[in-house]
């Protein structure tokens, strides 16, 4: 169960990182 929560958190974090990279690219 704990591993599932870890995977979920990592997935959300990666999605956030991709979004921030897209925003940075559009501003650059």
N, C-alpha and C. Protein backbone atom coordinates (compact mmCIF):
# COMPACT_ATOMS: atom_id res chain seq x y z
N UNK A 1 0.83 -1.20 0.00
CA UNK A 1 0.00 0.00 0.00
C UNK A 1 0.87 1.25 0.00
N UNK A 2 1.90 1.24 0.82
CA UNK A 2 2.77 2.41 0.89
C UNK A 2 3.46 2.65 -0.46
N UNK A 3 3.80 1.55 -1.15
CA UNK A 3 4.47 1.68 -2.45
C UNK A 3 3.53 2.34 -3.46
N UNK A 4 2.24 2.02 -3.36
CA UNK A 4 1.26 2.61 -4.27
C UNK A 4 1.18 4.12 -4.06
N UNK A 5 1.17 4.55 -2.81
CA UNK A 5 1.14 5.98 -2.51
C UNK A 5 2.39 6.67 -3.05
N UNK A 6 3.54 6.01 -2.92
CA UNK A 6 4.80 6.57 -3.41
C UNK A 6 4.75 6.76 -4.92
N UNK A 7 4.26 5.73 -5.63
CA UNK A 7 4.16 5.81 -7.09
C UNK A 7 3.21 6.95 -7.49
N UNK A 8 2.12 7.09 -6.75
CA UNK A 8 1.15 8.15 -7.05
C UNK A 8 1.80 9.52 -6.88
N UNK A 9 2.53 9.71 -5.80
CA UNK A 9 3.18 11.00 -5.54
C UNK A 9 4.21 11.32 -6.62
N UNK A 10 4.97 10.32 -7.02
CA UNK A 10 5.98 10.54 -8.06
C UNK A 10 5.30 10.90 -9.38
N UNK A 11 4.20 10.23 -9.69
CA UNK A 11 3.49 10.52 -10.94
C UNK A 11 2.98 11.96 -10.95
N UNK A 12 2.40 12.39 -9.84
CA UNK A 12 1.90 13.77 -9.75
C UNK A 12 3.06 14.75 -9.87
N UNK A 13 4.19 14.45 -9.21
CA UNK A 13 5.34 15.34 -9.24
C UNK A 13 5.89 15.47 -10.67
N UNK A 14 5.94 14.35 -11.39
CA UNK A 14 6.44 14.39 -12.77
C UNK A 14 5.49 15.20 -13.65
N UNK A 15 4.19 15.04 -13.43
CA UNK A 15 3.23 15.83 -14.21
C UNK A 15 3.43 17.31 -13.96
N UNK A 16 3.62 17.69 -12.70
CA UNK A 16 3.86 19.09 -12.35
C UNK A 16 5.14 19.59 -13.01
N UNK A 17 6.18 18.77 -13.00
CA UNK A 17 7.46 19.17 -13.59
C UNK A 17 7.29 19.40 -15.09
N UNK A 18 6.56 18.51 -15.77
CA UNK A 18 6.34 18.68 -17.20
C UNK A 18 5.59 19.98 -17.48
N UNK A 19 4.61 20.29 -16.63
CA UNK A 19 3.83 21.51 -16.81
C UNK A 19 4.71 22.74 -16.64
N UNK A 20 5.56 22.72 -15.61
CA UNK A 20 6.43 23.87 -15.36
C UNK A 20 7.43 24.04 -16.49
N UNK A 21 7.92 22.93 -17.04
CA UNK A 21 8.87 23.01 -18.16
C UNK A 21 8.17 23.62 -19.38
N UNK A 22 6.92 23.21 -19.62
CA UNK A 22 6.18 23.76 -20.75
C UNK A 22 5.98 25.27 -20.58
N UNK A 23 5.65 25.71 -19.37
CA UNK A 23 5.45 27.13 -19.10
C UNK A 23 6.77 27.88 -19.31
N UNK A 24 7.86 27.32 -18.81
CA UNK A 24 9.16 27.97 -18.95
C UNK A 24 9.54 28.09 -20.43
N UNK A 25 9.25 27.05 -21.21
CA UNK A 25 9.56 27.09 -22.64
C UNK A 25 8.74 28.18 -23.34
N UNK A 26 7.49 28.33 -22.96
CA UNK A 26 6.64 29.32 -23.61
C UNK A 26 7.07 30.74 -23.23
N UNK A 27 7.62 30.91 -22.03
CA UNK A 27 8.08 32.23 -21.60
C UNK A 27 9.45 32.56 -22.17
N UNK A 28 10.25 31.56 -22.44
CA UNK A 28 11.62 31.79 -22.90
C UNK A 28 11.63 32.34 -24.32
